């Protein structure tokens, strides 16, 4: 029994770490030890079940959480060499996947990432070209609507079919030009990182 990995866990946490018969969902409140379960689970898979670190993907919402998990797992395994484990935020993991396999869907491995300010600046530039008044059409609202569309995997052509009302019709006019400009600059925004990985996996079984 791997007591060095399990001895800091309560019975319920230990049960979650030891379970290995298929998918597992852990539902618990704040401060209940979810991160502890996750880190000990990774250590258990590697040390006791013999999984190769490269077979493990650990995804978090923040860079701080990802770093904390790396430190804890490193301590549990008595090793600082965790390069094989895929560990990071959703956007960080997707960026790494696209650097490696993005060429399968036409994404260069040398793309740049536009942050929120870059995206809003580009939208303002496009609106200026279209002679749209930013006082009447908020660039921030346009950016939010484009981001929402991407989160639903709605491309510019599909968006235009359901853009009803003056504001959404303007967004539908900006959206394709925004994507065209990103492509010309070999750039992706944060939402592209996720939706393009979804497309990559859907269209290329070998990349999964």
C-alpha atoms as a PDB file:
ATOM      1  CA  UNK A   1       0.000   0.000   0.000  1.00  0.00           C
ATOM      2  CA  UNK A   2       1.479   3.390  -1.033  1.00  0.00           C
ATOM      3  CA  UNK A   3       1.304   4.937   2.434  1.00  0.00           C
ATOM      4  CA  UNK A   4       3.572   7.853   1.521  1.00  0.00           C
ATOM      5  CA  UNK A   5       0.974   9.039  -0.998  1.00  0.00           C
ATOM      6  CA  UNK A   6      -2.142   8.140   0.983  1.00  0.00           C
ATOM      7  CA  UNK A   7      -1.246   8.919   4.586  1.00  0.00           C
ATOM      8  CA  UNK A   8      -2.307  12.587   4.358  1.00  0.00           C
ATOM      9  CA  UNK A   9      -5.747  11.730   2.983  1.00  0.00           C
ATOM     10  CA  UNK A  10      -9.020  11.126   4.775  1.00  0.00           C
ATOM     11  CA  UNK A  11     -11.022   7.978   3.867  1.00  0.00           C
ATOM     12  CA  UNK A  12     -13.127   9.660   1.168  1.00  0.00           C
ATOM     13  CA  UNK A  13     -10.106  11.342  -0.425  1.00  0.00           C
ATOM     14  CA  UNK A  14      -8.222   8.049  -0.319  1.00  0.00           C
ATOM     15  CA  UNK A  15     -11.103   6.304  -2.071  1.00  0.00           C
ATOM     16  CA  UNK A  16     -11.032   8.900  -4.863  1.00  0.00           C
ATOM     17  CA  UNK A  17      -7.272   8.537  -5.333  1.00  0.00           C
ATOM     18  CA  UNK A  18      -7.347   4.731  -5.399  1.00  0.00           C
ATOM     19  CA  UNK A  19     -10.245   4.434  -7.850  1.00  0.00           C
ATOM     20  CA  UNK A  20      -8.929   3.358 -11.266  1.00  0.00           C
ATOM     21  CA  UNK A  21     -11.759   1.541 -13.062  1.00  0.00           C
ATOM     22  CA  UNK A  22     -12.829   4.366 -15.378  1.00  0.00           C
ATOM     23  CA  UNK A  23     -13.969   8.008 -15.425  1.00  0.00           C
ATOM     24  CA  UNK A  24     -14.331   9.602 -12.014  1.00  0.00           C
ATOM     25  CA  UNK A  25     -16.152  12.763 -10.932  1.00  0.00           C
ATOM     26  CA  UNK A  26     -15.282  14.403  -7.620  1.00  0.00           C
ATOM     27  CA  UNK A  27     -17.814  16.948  -6.350  1.00  0.00           C
ATOM     28  CA  UNK A  28     -16.865  18.853  -3.200  1.00  0.00           C
ATOM     29  CA  UNK A  29     -17.065  22.308  -1.675  1.00  0.00           C
ATOM     30  CA  UNK A  30     -14.319  24.919  -1.185  1.00  0.00           C
ATOM     31  CA  UNK A  31     -11.525  23.881   1.152  1.00  0.00           C
ATOM     32  CA  UNK A  32     -12.485  20.210   1.090  1.00  0.00           C
ATOM     33  CA  UNK A  33      -9.216  19.057  -0.473  1.00  0.00           C
ATOM     34  CA  UNK A  34      -9.986  18.743  -4.184  1.00  0.00           C
ATOM     35  CA  UNK A  35      -6.502  19.928  -5.160  1.00  0.00           C
ATOM     36  CA  UNK A  36      -4.972  17.480  -2.704  1.00  0.00           C
ATOM     37  CA  UNK A  37      -6.959  14.643  -4.282  1.00  0.00           C
ATOM     38  CA  UNK A  38      -5.878  15.715  -7.761  1.00  0.00           C
ATOM     39  CA  UNK A  39      -2.181  15.943  -6.912  1.00  0.00           C
ATOM     40  CA  UNK A  40      -2.148  12.667  -5.002  1.00  0.00           C
ATOM     41  CA  UNK A  41      -4.065  11.004  -7.836  1.00  0.00           C
ATOM     42  CA  UNK A  42      -1.401  12.061 -10.341  1.00  0.00           C
ATOM     43  CA  UNK A  43       1.370  10.822  -8.047  1.00  0.00           C
ATOM     44  CA  UNK A  44      -0.476   7.532  -7.499  1.00  0.00           C
ATOM     45  CA  UNK A  45      -0.952   6.958 -11.230  1.00  0.00           C
ATOM     46  CA  UNK A  46       2.743   7.500 -11.909  1.00  0.00           C
ATOM     47  CA  UNK A  47       4.342   5.893  -8.867  1.00  0.00           C
ATOM     48  CA  UNK A  48       2.007   2.998  -8.118  1.00  0.00           C
ATOM     49  CA  UNK A  49       0.196   2.190 -11.365  1.00  0.00           C
ATOM     50  CA  UNK A  50       3.164   2.837 -13.639  1.00  0.00           C
ATOM     51  CA  UNK A  51       1.632   5.441 -15.919  1.00  0.00           C
ATOM     52  CA  UNK A  52       4.054   7.378 -18.085  1.00  0.00           C
ATOM     53  CA  UNK A  53       3.879  11.088 -17.123  1.00  0.00           C
ATOM     54  CA  UNK A  54       3.221  11.923 -20.789  1.00  0.00           C
ATOM     55  CA  UNK A  55      -0.101  10.049 -20.499  1.00  0.00           C
ATOM     56  CA  UNK A  56      -1.414  12.498 -17.908  1.00  0.00           C
ATOM     57  CA  UNK A  57      -3.245  15.748 -18.627  1.00  0.00           C
ATOM     58  CA  UNK A  58      -4.055  18.054 -15.703  1.00  0.00           C
ATOM     59  CA  UNK A  59      -6.007  21.201 -16.556  1.00  0.00           C
ATOM     60  CA  UNK A  60      -6.692  24.163 -14.257  1.00  0.00           C
ATOM     61  CA  UNK A  61      -8.315  27.579 -14.575  1.00  0.00           C
ATOM     62  CA  UNK A  62      -5.340  29.671 -13.424  1.00  0.00           C
ATOM     63  CA  UNK A  63      -1.556  29.641 -13.818  1.00  0.00           C
ATOM     64  CA  UNK A  64      -1.248  29.895 -10.036  1.00  0.00           C
ATOM     65  CA  UNK A  65      -3.218  26.677  -9.561  1.00  0.00           C
ATOM     66  CA  UNK A  66      -1.186  24.899 -12.245  1.00  0.00           C
ATOM     67  CA  UNK A  67       2.074  25.909 -10.555  1.00  0.00           C
ATOM     68  CA  UNK A  68       0.777  24.777  -7.163  1.00  0.00           C
ATOM     69  CA  UNK A  69      -0.140  21.359  -8.564  1.00  0.00           C
ATOM     70  CA  UNK A  70       3.283  20.984 -10.195  1.00  0.00           C
ATOM     71  CA  UNK A  71       5.028  21.773  -6.912  1.00  0.00           C
ATOM     72  CA  UNK A  72       2.867  19.367  -4.911  1.00  0.00           C
ATOM     73  CA  UNK A  73       3.234  16.504  -7.402  1.00  0.00           C
ATOM     74  CA  UNK A  74       6.985  17.077  -7.594  1.00  0.00           C
ATOM     75  CA  UNK A  75       7.172  16.799  -3.802  1.00  0.00           C
ATOM     76  CA  UNK A  76       5.093  13.612  -3.723  1.00  0.00           C
ATOM     77  CA  UNK A  77       7.245  11.967  -6.385  1.00  0.00           C
ATOM     78  CA  UNK A  78      10.509  13.319  -4.964  1.00  0.00           C
ATOM     79  CA  UNK A  79      11.311  14.651  -8.405  1.00  0.00           C
ATOM     80  CA  UNK A  80      11.454  18.029 -10.113  1.00  0.00           C
ATOM     81  CA  UNK A  81      11.341  16.409 -13.556  1.00  0.00           C
ATOM     82  CA  UNK A  82       7.676  16.577 -14.553  1.00  0.00           C
ATOM     83  CA  UNK A  83       8.254  17.668 -18.135  1.00  0.00           C
ATOM     84  CA  UNK A  84       6.255  14.739 -19.491  1.00  0.00           C
ATOM     85  CA  UNK A  85       3.038  15.684 -17.707  1.00  0.00           C
ATOM     86  CA  UNK A  86       0.685  17.968 -19.629  1.00  0.00           C
ATOM     87  CA  UNK A  87      -0.230  20.418 -16.899  1.00  0.00           C
ATOM     88  CA  UNK A  88      -1.537  23.975 -17.203  1.00  0.00           C
ATOM     89  CA  UNK A  89      -4.547  26.185 -17.852  1.00  0.00           C
ATOM     90  CA  UNK A  90      -7.122  25.447 -20.540  1.00  0.00           C
ATOM     91  CA  UNK A  91      -5.641  28.152 -22.758  1.00  0.00           C
ATOM     92  CA  UNK A  92      -2.058  27.128 -22.016  1.00  0.00           C
ATOM     93  CA  UNK A  93      -2.685  23.482 -22.873  1.00  0.00           C
ATOM     94  CA  UNK A  94      -4.548  24.412 -26.060  1.00  0.00           C
ATOM     95  CA  UNK A  95      -1.735  26.763 -27.099  1.00  0.00           C
ATOM     96  CA  UNK A  96       0.755  23.931 -26.657  1.00  0.00           C
ATOM     97  CA  UNK A  97      -1.405  21.545 -28.700  1.00  0.00           C
ATOM     98  CA  UNK A  98      -1.700  24.063 -31.536  1.00  0.00           C
ATOM     99  CA  UNK A  99       2.050  24.693 -31.559  1.00  0.00           C
ATOM    100  CA  UNK A 100       2.495  20.970 -32.143  1.00  0.00           C
ATOM    101  CA  UNK A 101      -0.452  19.992 -34.341  1.00  0.00           C
ATOM    102  CA  UNK A 102      -2.008  23.258 -35.548  1.00  0.00           C
ATOM    103  CA  UNK A 103      -0.566  22.865 -39.046  1.00  0.00           C
ATOM    104  CA  UNK A 104      -3.174  20.136 -39.625  1.00  0.00           C
ATOM    105  CA  UNK A 105      -5.840  22.872 -39.713  1.00  0.00           C
ATOM    106  CA  UNK A 106      -3.684  25.620 -41.205  1.00  0.00           C
ATOM    107  CA  UNK A 107      -2.363  27.178 -37.987  1.00  0.00           C
ATOM    108  CA  UNK A 108       1.342  28.031 -38.061  1.00  0.00           C
ATOM    109  CA  UNK A 109       3.390  26.855 -35.093  1.00  0.00           C
ATOM    110  CA  UNK A 110       4.815  30.391 -34.876  1.00  0.00           C
ATOM    111  CA  UNK A 111       1.506  32.172 -34.314  1.00  0.00           C
ATOM    112  CA  UNK A 112       1.207  35.033 -31.848  1.00  0.00           C
ATOM    113  CA  UNK A 113      -1.510  35.361 -29.208  1.00  0.00           C
ATOM    114  CA  UNK A 114      -3.644  38.492 -29.002  1.00  0.00           C
ATOM    115  CA  UNK A 115      -4.706  39.420 -25.476  1.00  0.00           C
ATOM    116  CA  UNK A 116      -7.935  41.290 -24.713  1.00  0.00           C
ATOM    117  CA  UNK A 117      -6.362  44.696 -25.339  1.00  0.00           C
ATOM    118  CA  UNK A 118      -4.929  43.565 -28.682  1.00  0.00           C
ATOM    119  CA  UNK A 119      -8.329  42.226 -29.733  1.00  0.00           C
ATOM    120  CA  UNK A 120     -10.179  45.400 -28.769  1.00  0.00           C
ATOM    121  CA  UNK A 121      -7.586  47.522 -30.547  1.00  0.00           C
ATOM    122  CA  UNK A 122      -8.050  45.479 -33.718  1.00  0.00           C
ATOM    123  CA  UNK A 123     -11.825  45.776 -33.467  1.00  0.00           C
ATOM    124  CA  UNK A 124     -11.543  49.562 -33.084  1.00  0.00           C
ATOM    125  CA  UNK A 125      -9.357  49.683 -36.190  1.00  0.00           C
ATOM    126  CA  UNK A 126     -11.884  47.675 -38.199  1.00  0.00           C
ATOM    127  CA  UNK A 127     -14.740  49.840 -36.970  1.00  0.00           C
ATOM    128  CA  UNK A 128     -12.831  52.918 -38.071  1.00  0.00           C
ATOM    129  CA  UNK A 129     -12.418  51.442 -41.556  1.00  0.00           C
ATOM    130  CA  UNK A 130     -16.149  50.725 -41.650  1.00  0.00           C
ATOM    131  CA  UNK A 131     -16.877  54.251 -40.404  1.00  0.00           C
ATOM    132  CA  UNK A 132     -18.722  52.966 -37.337  1.00  0.00           C
ATOM    133  CA  UNK A 133     -19.060  55.365 -34.421  1.00  0.00           C
ATOM    134  CA  UNK A 134     -17.538  53.784 -31.257  1.00  0.00           C
ATOM    135  CA  UNK A 135     -19.846  55.982 -29.189  1.00  0.00           C
ATOM    136  CA  UNK A 136     -22.853  54.263 -30.737  1.00  0.00           C
ATOM    137  CA  UNK A 137     -21.343  50.799 -31.146  1.00  0.00           C
ATOM    138  CA  UNK A 138     -19.172  49.828 -28.193  1.00  0.00           C
ATOM    139  CA  UNK A 139     -15.946  48.028 -29.234  1.00  0.00           C
ATOM    140  CA  UNK A 140     -15.978  46.235 -25.872  1.00  0.00           C
ATOM    141  CA  UNK A 141     -19.495  44.931 -26.535  1.00  0.00           C
ATOM    142  CA  UNK A 142     -18.487  43.846 -30.026  1.00  0.00           C
ATOM    143  CA  UNK A 143     -15.524  41.980 -28.547  1.00  0.00           C
ATOM    144  CA  UNK A 144     -17.771  40.294 -25.967  1.00  0.00           C
ATOM    145  CA  UNK A 145     -20.219  39.136 -28.634  1.00  0.00           C
ATOM    146  CA  UNK A 146     -17.458  37.737 -30.841  1.00  0.00           C
ATOM    147  CA  UNK A 147     -15.979  35.918 -27.849  1.00  0.00           C
ATOM    148  CA  UNK A 148     -19.404  34.500 -26.972  1.00  0.00           C
ATOM    149  CA  UNK A 149     -19.870  33.308 -30.542  1.00  0.00           C
ATOM    150  CA  UNK A 150     -16.502  31.569 -30.504  1.00  0.00           C
ATOM    151  CA  UNK A 151     -17.265  29.918 -27.166  1.00  0.00           C
ATOM    152  CA  UNK A 152     -20.314  28.391 -28.871  1.00  0.00           C
ATOM    153  CA  UNK A 153     -18.160  27.430 -31.896  1.00  0.00           C
ATOM    154  CA  UNK A 154     -20.124  29.822 -34.121  1.00  0.00           C
ATOM    155  CA  UNK A 155     -18.057  31.029 -37.073  1.00  0.00           C
ATOM    156  CA  UNK A 156     -18.617  34.370 -38.875  1.00  0.00           C
ATOM    157  CA  UNK A 157     -20.773  32.862 -41.631  1.00  0.00           C
ATOM    158  CA  UNK A 158     -23.077  31.135 -39.150  1.00  0.00           C
ATOM    159  CA  UNK A 159     -23.222  34.217 -36.928  1.00  0.00           C
ATOM    160  CA  UNK A 160     -24.447  36.400 -39.786  1.00  0.00           C
ATOM    161  CA  UNK A 161     -27.437  34.101 -40.366  1.00  0.00           C
ATOM    162  CA  UNK A 162     -28.800  34.769 -36.886  1.00  0.00           C
ATOM    163  CA  UNK A 163     -27.702  38.370 -36.382  1.00  0.00           C
ATOM    164  CA  UNK A 164     -30.965  40.221 -35.889  1.00  0.00           C
ATOM    165  CA  UNK A 165     -31.131  43.878 -34.939  1.00  0.00           C
ATOM    166  CA  UNK A 166     -28.838  46.843 -35.705  1.00  0.00           C
ATOM    167  CA  UNK A 167     -26.133  45.997 -33.169  1.00  0.00           C
ATOM    168  CA  UNK A 168     -25.732  42.304 -33.998  1.00  0.00           C
ATOM    169  CA  UNK A 169     -25.792  43.119 -37.699  1.00  0.00           C
ATOM    170  CA  UNK A 170     -22.787  45.375 -37.116  1.00  0.00           C
ATOM    171  CA  UNK A 171     -21.047  42.628 -35.146  1.00  0.00           C
ATOM    172  CA  UNK A 172     -21.731  40.281 -38.065  1.00  0.00           C
ATOM    173  CA  UNK A 173     -20.022  42.776 -40.352  1.00  0.00           C
ATOM    174  CA  UNK A 174     -16.991  43.137 -38.075  1.00  0.00           C
ATOM    175  CA  UNK A 175     -16.526  39.466 -37.125  1.00  0.00           C
ATOM    176  CA  UNK A 176     -15.298  38.124 -40.512  1.00  0.00           C
ATOM    177  CA  UNK A 177     -12.973  41.101 -40.972  1.00  0.00           C
ATOM    178  CA  UNK A 178     -11.619  40.537 -37.476  1.00  0.00           C
ATOM    179  CA  UNK A 179     -10.860  36.888 -38.244  1.00  0.00           C
ATOM    180  CA  UNK A 180      -9.342  37.806 -41.604  1.00  0.00           C
ATOM    181  CA  UNK A 181      -7.032  40.325 -39.953  1.00  0.00           C
ATOM    182  CA  UNK A 182      -5.970  37.825 -37.286  1.00  0.00           C
ATOM    183  CA  UNK A 183      -5.061  35.336 -39.994  1.00  0.00           C
ATOM    184  CA  UNK A 184      -3.100  37.943 -41.948  1.00  0.00           C
ATOM    185  CA  UNK A 185      -1.114  38.729 -38.800  1.00  0.00           C
ATOM    186  CA  UNK A 186      -0.598  35.030 -38.007  1.00  0.00           C
ATOM    187  CA  UNK A 187      -2.389  35.592 -34.717  1.00  0.00           C
ATOM    188  CA  UNK A 188      -5.012  33.914 -32.538  1.00  0.00           C
ATOM    189  CA  UNK A 189      -7.030  35.399 -29.716  1.00  0.00           C
ATOM    190  CA  UNK A 190      -7.740  33.564 -26.455  1.00  0.00           C
ATOM    191  CA  UNK A 191     -11.040  32.150 -27.694  1.00  0.00           C
ATOM    192  CA  UNK A 192      -9.410  30.853 -30.881  1.00  0.00           C
ATOM    193  CA  UNK A 193      -7.044  28.744 -28.792  1.00  0.00           C
ATOM    194  CA  UNK A 194      -9.891  26.604 -27.521  1.00  0.00           C
ATOM    195  CA  UNK A 195     -12.245  26.510 -30.507  1.00  0.00           C
ATOM    196  CA  UNK A 196      -9.431  25.681 -32.937  1.00  0.00           C
ATOM    197  CA  UNK A 197      -8.333  22.761 -30.770  1.00  0.00           C
ATOM    198  CA  UNK A 198     -11.933  21.513 -30.821  1.00  0.00           C
ATOM    199  CA  UNK A 199     -11.845  21.726 -34.612  1.00  0.00           C
ATOM    200  CA  UNK A 200      -8.427  20.037 -34.697  1.00  0.00           C
ATOM    201  CA  UNK A 201      -9.640  17.075 -32.662  1.00  0.00           C
ATOM    202  CA  UNK A 202     -12.877  16.763 -34.608  1.00  0.00           C
ATOM    203  CA  UNK A 203     -11.126  16.704 -37.963  1.00  0.00           C
ATOM    204  CA  UNK A 204      -7.940  14.792 -37.100  1.00  0.00           C
ATOM    205  CA  UNK A 205      -8.168  11.594 -35.096  1.00  0.00           C
ATOM    206  CA  UNK A 206      -4.374  11.259 -35.006  1.00  0.00           C
ATOM    207  CA  UNK A 207      -4.060  14.505 -33.043  1.00  0.00           C
ATOM    208  CA  UNK A 208      -6.352  13.386 -30.222  1.00  0.00           C
END
